[in-house]
Amino acid sequence: MRTRRCWIRCFAAGSLAAAALLPGRDAGAQEASLPCRPGEELIYRSKLGRLSGSGKGVMRVEEDTIRSSSAYLLSFDFETKVGPLRVEARSRSWLDPERMAALRFHKHERHPLASKSEEVELYPAERRWRSAEGLEGRSETDAPLDELSFLYYIRTLDLRDGAVYVIERHFDPQRNPVHVEVLGRERATVPAGVFDVVVVEMRVRDRDHFDGDGSFRLYLTDDGRRYPVRLETSASIAGKAILELEAAIPARSSPPAQVAKGG
């Protein structure tokens, strides 16, 4: 039984780190222009805890239409193996880039011990949402976010050293608030190169994957693109799950990038 719990927590940590499964809403945070654009693709190499799991993840931004409105389609595909066992996590978020509001969210997770799917339609102007299972709820904001779009939202914040934000923009109020703290700036070495980064730590309510709150750390390039070059999270038994940037395809039109330093 203890081994089974270890596997479950390890798989959950990988999914969470990969997709940055974070809810939120801003409370006083200053936003910059959206750093991501259609065409952006980020490819990651993953390491999964003390069980020596390894795999890859890909995040993309594409153009799409939802309910007759233009939207950014954010996607994340992650898979890894721990010995003979395999875990997959796939998320999609349809985002209104003008309002930074999520319009639809799909998530599918699968591993040998369980699987989970979630499909939600969000109606920001009406402050409501409805799941494919027929569940309905009210949102506290007319600019709601989901677990995947929140990562992109974090990239828009004015991340000053020492800043602390209390964010309450998840479409489901039970997942609010998220606490975001800027820990400082440093240099990070990942497979894609060496980058000057802003280090951000987030604490989030997630009883599905943690016994209470989960903590996450993101290393964002200290430039106009704010690429997440490293993401990490910890589970109490499995240890740390890490994703590191292996390659980046820039958007068709985007802010200036930091040039990776040799190393």
Protein backbone atom coordinates (compact mmCIF):
# COMPACT_ATOMS: atom_id res chain seq x y z
CA MET A 1 0.00 0.00 0.00
CA ARG A 2 2.83 2.41 0.80
CA THR A 3 4.43 1.72 -2.59
CA ARG A 4 1.12 2.42 -4.31
CA ARG A 5 0.78 5.76 -2.49
CA CYS A 6 4.32 6.65 -3.53
CA TRP A 7 3.54 5.96 -7.19
CA ILE A 8 0.34 7.99 -7.04
CA ARG A 9 2.05 11.00 -5.47
CA CYS A 10 4.96 10.76 -7.87
CA PHE A 11 2.68 10.69 -10.91
CA ALA A 12 0.61 13.55 -9.51
CA ALA A 13 3.72 15.63 -8.89
CA GLY A 14 4.82 15.18 -12.48
CA SER A 15 1.45 16.21 -13.86
CA LEU A 16 1.28 19.22 -11.59
CA ALA A 17 4.78 20.43 -12.30
CA ALA A 18 4.31 19.97 -16.00
CA ALA A 19 1.05 21.77 -16.32
CA ALA A 20 1.66 24.13 -13.41
CA LEU A 21 -1.68 23.26 -12.06
CA LEU A 22 -2.51 26.51 -10.41
CA PRO A 23 -5.73 28.44 -9.90
CA GLY A 24 -5.87 32.15 -9.37
CA ARG A 25 -7.12 35.68 -9.49
CA ASP A 26 -5.09 38.84 -9.15
CA ALA A 27 -5.41 41.10 -6.11
CA GLY A 28 -3.51 44.27 -6.85
CA ALA A 29 -0.89 42.77 -9.16
CA GLN A 30 0.19 44.92 -12.11
CA GLU A 31 -0.02 43.21 -15.49
CA ALA A 32 2.25 43.71 -18.50
CA SER A 33 1.32 42.87 -22.10
CA LEU A 34 0.80 39.21 -22.85
CA PRO A 35 4.26 37.74 -23.57
CA CYS A 36 3.03 34.66 -25.44
CA ARG A 37 1.73 34.64 -29.02
CA PRO A 38 0.49 31.94 -31.43
CA GLY A 39 3.38 29.88 -32.70
CA GLU A 40 5.21 29.66 -29.38
CA GLU A 41 6.30 26.11 -28.54
CA LEU A 42 8.31 25.09 -25.46
CA ILE A 43 9.81 21.61 -25.19
CA TYR A 44 10.85 20.19 -21.81
CA ARG A 45 12.85 17.32 -20.41
CA SER A 46 11.45 15.97 -17.14
CA LYS A 47 12.85 14.21 -14.09
CA LEU A 48 10.45 12.62 -11.65
CA GLY A 49 11.45 12.22 -8.05
CA ARG A 50 13.50 9.52 -6.35
CA LEU A 51 11.99 6.87 -8.62
CA SER A 52 14.19 8.13 -11.47
CA GLY A 53 11.34 8.67 -13.91
CA SER A 54 12.08 10.65 -17.05
CA GLY A 55 10.09 11.97 -19.99
CA LYS A 56 9.14 15.04 -22.02
CA GLY A 57 6.58 17.82 -22.08
CA VAL A 58 5.46 20.29 -24.76
CA MET A 59 3.56 23.57 -24.30
CA ARG A 60 2.10 25.34 -27.35
CA VAL A 61 0.10 28.47 -28.22
CA GLU A 62 -2.15 28.33 -31.31
CA GLU A 63 -5.02 30.33 -32.80
CA ASP A 64 -8.57 28.99 -32.60
CA THR A 65 -12.22 30.06 -32.46
CA ILE A 66 -14.66 29.27 -29.66
CA ARG A 67 -18.34 30.28 -29.61
CA SER A 68 -17.67 32.57 -32.62
CA SER A 69 -14.87 34.41 -30.80
CA SER A 70 -11.14 34.37 -31.54
CA ALA A 71 -9.07 32.70 -28.86
CA TYR A 72 -5.62 31.41 -28.05
CA LEU A 73 -5.54 27.64 -27.69
CA LEU A 74 -3.01 26.81 -24.97
CA SER A 75 -1.95 23.17 -24.84
CA PHE A 76 0.28 21.04 -22.68
CA ASP A 77 1.19 17.43 -23.38
CA PHE A 78 3.31 15.53 -20.87
CA GLU A 79 4.38 11.91 -20.61
CA THR A 80 6.95 10.08 -18.55
CA LYS A 81 7.90 6.59 -17.44
CA VAL A 82 8.89 5.23 -14.06
CA GLY A 83 10.39 1.84 -14.87
CA PRO A 84 7.73 -0.02 -16.88
CA LEU A 85 4.97 2.34 -15.73
CA ARG A 86 3.73 5.28 -17.79
CA VAL A 87 1.94 8.51 -16.89
CA GLU A 88 0.32 11.03 -19.25
CA ALA A 89 -1.21 14.47 -18.69
CA ARG A 90 -2.85 16.53 -21.42
CA SER A 91 -4.44 19.94 -20.88
CA ARG A 92 -6.13 22.45 -23.17
CA SER A 93 -7.26 25.98 -22.35
CA TRP A 94 -9.07 28.34 -24.71
CA LEU A 95 -8.15 31.87 -23.68
CA ASP A 96 -9.54 35.28 -24.62
CA PRO A 97 -6.21 37.18 -24.93
CA GLU A 98 -7.82 40.62 -24.74
CA ARG A 99 -9.42 40.00 -21.33
CA MET A 100 -7.03 37.25 -20.18
CA ALA A 101 -10.09 35.12 -19.42
CA ALA A 102 -10.49 31.37 -19.94
CA LEU A 103 -13.44 30.22 -22.08
CA ARG A 104 -13.00 26.43 -22.02
CA PHE A 105 -10.77 23.96 -20.19
CA HIS A 106 -10.03 20.28 -20.84
CA LYS A 107 -7.70 18.09 -18.77
CA HIS A 108 -6.98 14.36 -19.05
CA GLU A 109 -4.59 12.48 -16.76
CA ARG A 110 -3.77 8.78 -16.90
CA HIS A 111 -1.43 6.44 -15.05
CA PRO A 112 -1.52 2.74 -14.13
CA LEU A 113 -3.44 3.27 -10.89
CA ALA A 114 -6.09 5.79 -11.97
CA SER A 115 -7.26 8.23 -14.62
CA LYS A 116 -9.10 11.54 -14.50
CA SER A 117 -10.82 13.76 -17.06
CA GLU A 118 -12.28 17.23 -16.72
CA GLU A 119 -14.07 19.32 -19.35
CA VAL A 120 -15.49 22.72 -18.43
CA GLU A 121 -17.21 25.51 -20.36
CA LEU A 122 -16.64 28.96 -18.85
CA TYR A 123 -18.85 32.02 -19.41
CA PRO A 124 -16.85 34.98 -18.04
CA ALA A 125 -19.45 37.70 -18.65
CA GLU A 126 -22.02 35.66 -16.73
CA ARG A 127 -19.55 34.59 -14.03
CA ARG A 128 -20.55 30.96 -14.32
CA TRP A 129 -19.18 27.61 -15.51
CA ARG A 130 -20.54 24.19 -16.39
CA SER A 131 -18.74 20.85 -16.60
CA ALA A 132 -19.38 17.99 -19.02
CA GLU A 133 -20.72 16.00 -16.05
CA GLY A 134 -23.43 18.60 -15.52
CA LEU A 135 -21.88 20.33 -12.52
CA GLU A 136 -22.42 24.10 -12.42
CA GLY A 137 -20.91 26.88 -10.37
CA ARG A 138 -20.46 30.60 -9.97
CA SER A 139 -17.14 32.39 -10.42
CA GLU A 140 -16.02 35.33 -8.31
CA THR A 141 -14.60 37.19 -11.32
CA ASP A 142 -15.52 38.01 -14.91
CA ALA A 143 -11.95 37.11 -15.95
CA PRO A 144 -11.63 33.52 -14.68
CA LEU A 145 -8.64 31.27 -15.24
CA ASP A 146 -8.02 27.54 -15.15
CA GLU A 147 -5.00 25.49 -14.20
CA LEU A 148 -3.13 25.86 -17.49
CA SER A 149 -3.98 29.46 -18.39
CA PHE A 150 -2.83 30.54 -14.94
CA LEU A 151 0.78 29.79 -15.88
CA TYR A 152 0.50 32.20 -18.79
CA TYR A 153 -1.13 34.79 -16.55
CA ILE A 154 1.82 34.65 -14.13
CA ARG A 155 4.08 35.62 -17.04
CA THR A 156 2.20 38.93 -17.35
CA LEU A 157 2.79 40.09 -13.76
CA ASP A 158 5.22 42.80 -12.71
CA LEU A 159 7.52 40.43 -10.82
CA ARG A 160 9.49 42.78 -8.59
CA ASP A 161 11.88 41.22 -6.08
CA GLY A 162 10.09 40.50 -2.82
CA ALA A 163 6.60 41.10 -4.26
CA VAL A 164 3.79 38.97 -2.83
CA TYR A 165 0.45 38.58 -4.63
CA VAL A 166 -2.78 37.02 -3.36
CA ILE A 167 -4.64 35.82 -6.45
CA GLU A 168 -8.28 34.72 -6.62
CA ARG A 169 -9.15 34.10 -10.26
CA HIS A 170 -9.74 30.37 -10.52
CA PHE A 171 -13.19 29.72 -11.98
CA ASP A 172 -13.96 27.47 -8.98
CA PRO A 173 -13.90 29.59 -5.78
CA GLN A 174 -12.92 26.54 -3.71
CA ARG A 175 -9.48 26.65 -5.33
CA ASN A 176 -8.81 30.27 -4.32
CA PRO A 177 -6.63 31.99 -3.26
CA VAL A 178 -3.15 31.35 -4.62
CA HIS A 179 -0.17 33.04 -2.99
CA VAL A 180 2.61 34.12 -5.34
CA GLU A 181 5.97 35.34 -4.05
CA VAL A 182 8.94 36.61 -6.05
CA LEU A 183 12.03 35.11 -4.41
CA GLY A 184 14.62 36.95 -6.47
CA ARG A 185 16.82 36.69 -9.54
CA GLU A 186 19.57 34.22 -10.38
CA ARG A 187 21.15 32.27 -13.24
CA ALA A 188 19.70 28.88 -14.23
CA THR A 189 21.33 26.17 -16.33
CA VAL A 190 18.95 23.93 -18.31
CA PRO A 191 19.40 21.78 -21.45
CA ALA A 192 18.50 24.80 -23.63
CA GLY A 193 21.32 26.92 -22.16
CA VAL A 194 22.08 29.32 -19.32
CA PHE A 195 19.51 32.02 -18.54
CA ASP A 196 19.02 34.93 -16.16
CA VAL A 197 15.73 34.14 -14.44
CA VAL A 198 13.12 35.46 -12.03
CA VAL A 199 12.32 32.82 -9.38
CA VAL A 200 8.66 32.67 -8.36
CA GLU A 201 7.15 30.43 -5.69
CA MET A 202 3.43 29.67 -5.61
CA ARG A 203 1.26 27.97 -3.01
CA VAL A 204 -2.01 26.53 -4.21
CA ARG A 205 -4.96 24.59 -2.79
CA ASP A 206 -5.02 21.15 -4.38
CA ARG A 207 -6.48 18.35 -2.31
CA ASP A 208 -6.61 16.05 -5.36
CA HIS A 209 -2.82 15.82 -5.52
CA PHE A 210 -1.58 17.01 -2.11
CA ASP A 211 -2.81 16.69 1.46
CA GLY A 212 -3.81 20.35 1.51
CA ASP A 213 -1.69 22.98 -0.23
CA GLY A 214 0.97 22.34 -2.85
CA SER A 215 4.05 24.48 -3.49
CA PHE A 216 5.59 25.19 -6.88
CA ARG A 217 8.65 27.05 -8.09
CA LEU A 218 9.00 28.59 -11.55
CA TYR A 219 12.14 30.02 -13.16
CA LEU A 220 11.06 32.60 -15.76
CA THR A 221 13.49 34.26 -18.15
CA ASP A 222 14.17 37.81 -17.02
CA ASP A 223 13.17 39.36 -20.34
CA GLY A 224 10.08 40.23 -22.37
CA ARG A 225 9.15 36.63 -23.16
CA ARG A 226 9.21 35.25 -19.61
CA TYR A 227 9.79 31.70 -20.81
CA PRO A 228 9.41 29.19 -17.94
CA VAL A 229 12.76 27.43 -18.34
CA ARG A 230 12.38 25.33 -15.20
CA LEU A 231 9.36 24.18 -13.17
CA GLU A 232 9.56 22.13 -10.00
CA THR A 233 7.28 20.84 -7.28
CA SER A 234 7.54 18.43 -4.37
CA ALA A 235 5.37 15.58 -3.12
CA SER A 236 5.84 14.39 0.45
CA ILE A 237 6.89 10.85 -0.47
CA ALA A 238 8.04 10.91 -4.09
CA GLY A 239 10.31 13.91 -3.77
CA LYS A 240 10.89 16.62 -6.35
CA ALA A 241 9.49 16.65 -9.89
CA ILE A 242 11.36 18.88 -12.35
CA LEU A 243 10.81 20.06 -15.93
CA GLU A 244 13.65 21.85 -17.72
CA LEU A 245 13.53 23.65 -21.06
CA GLU A 246 15.19 21.73 -23.87
CA ALA A 247 14.17 23.87 -26.85
CA ALA A 248 12.01 26.91 -27.61
CA ILE A 249 10.31 27.93 -30.85
CA PRO A 250 9.42 31.63 -30.60
CA ALA A 251 6.01 33.02 -31.48
CA ARG A 252 5.47 34.61 -34.86
CA SER A 253 5.42 38.01 -33.16
CA SER A 254 6.66 38.36 -29.61
CA PRO A 255 8.77 40.53 -27.28
CA PRO A 256 12.59 40.35 -27.45
CA ALA A 257 14.13 37.17 -26.08
CA GLN A 258 17.11 36.68 -23.83
CA VAL A 259 19.90 34.92 -25.72
CA ALA A 260 20.90 31.66 -24.06
CA LYS A 261 24.44 31.86 -22.73
CA GLY A 262 26.83 29.10 -23.61
CA GLY A 263 27.65 26.62 -20.93
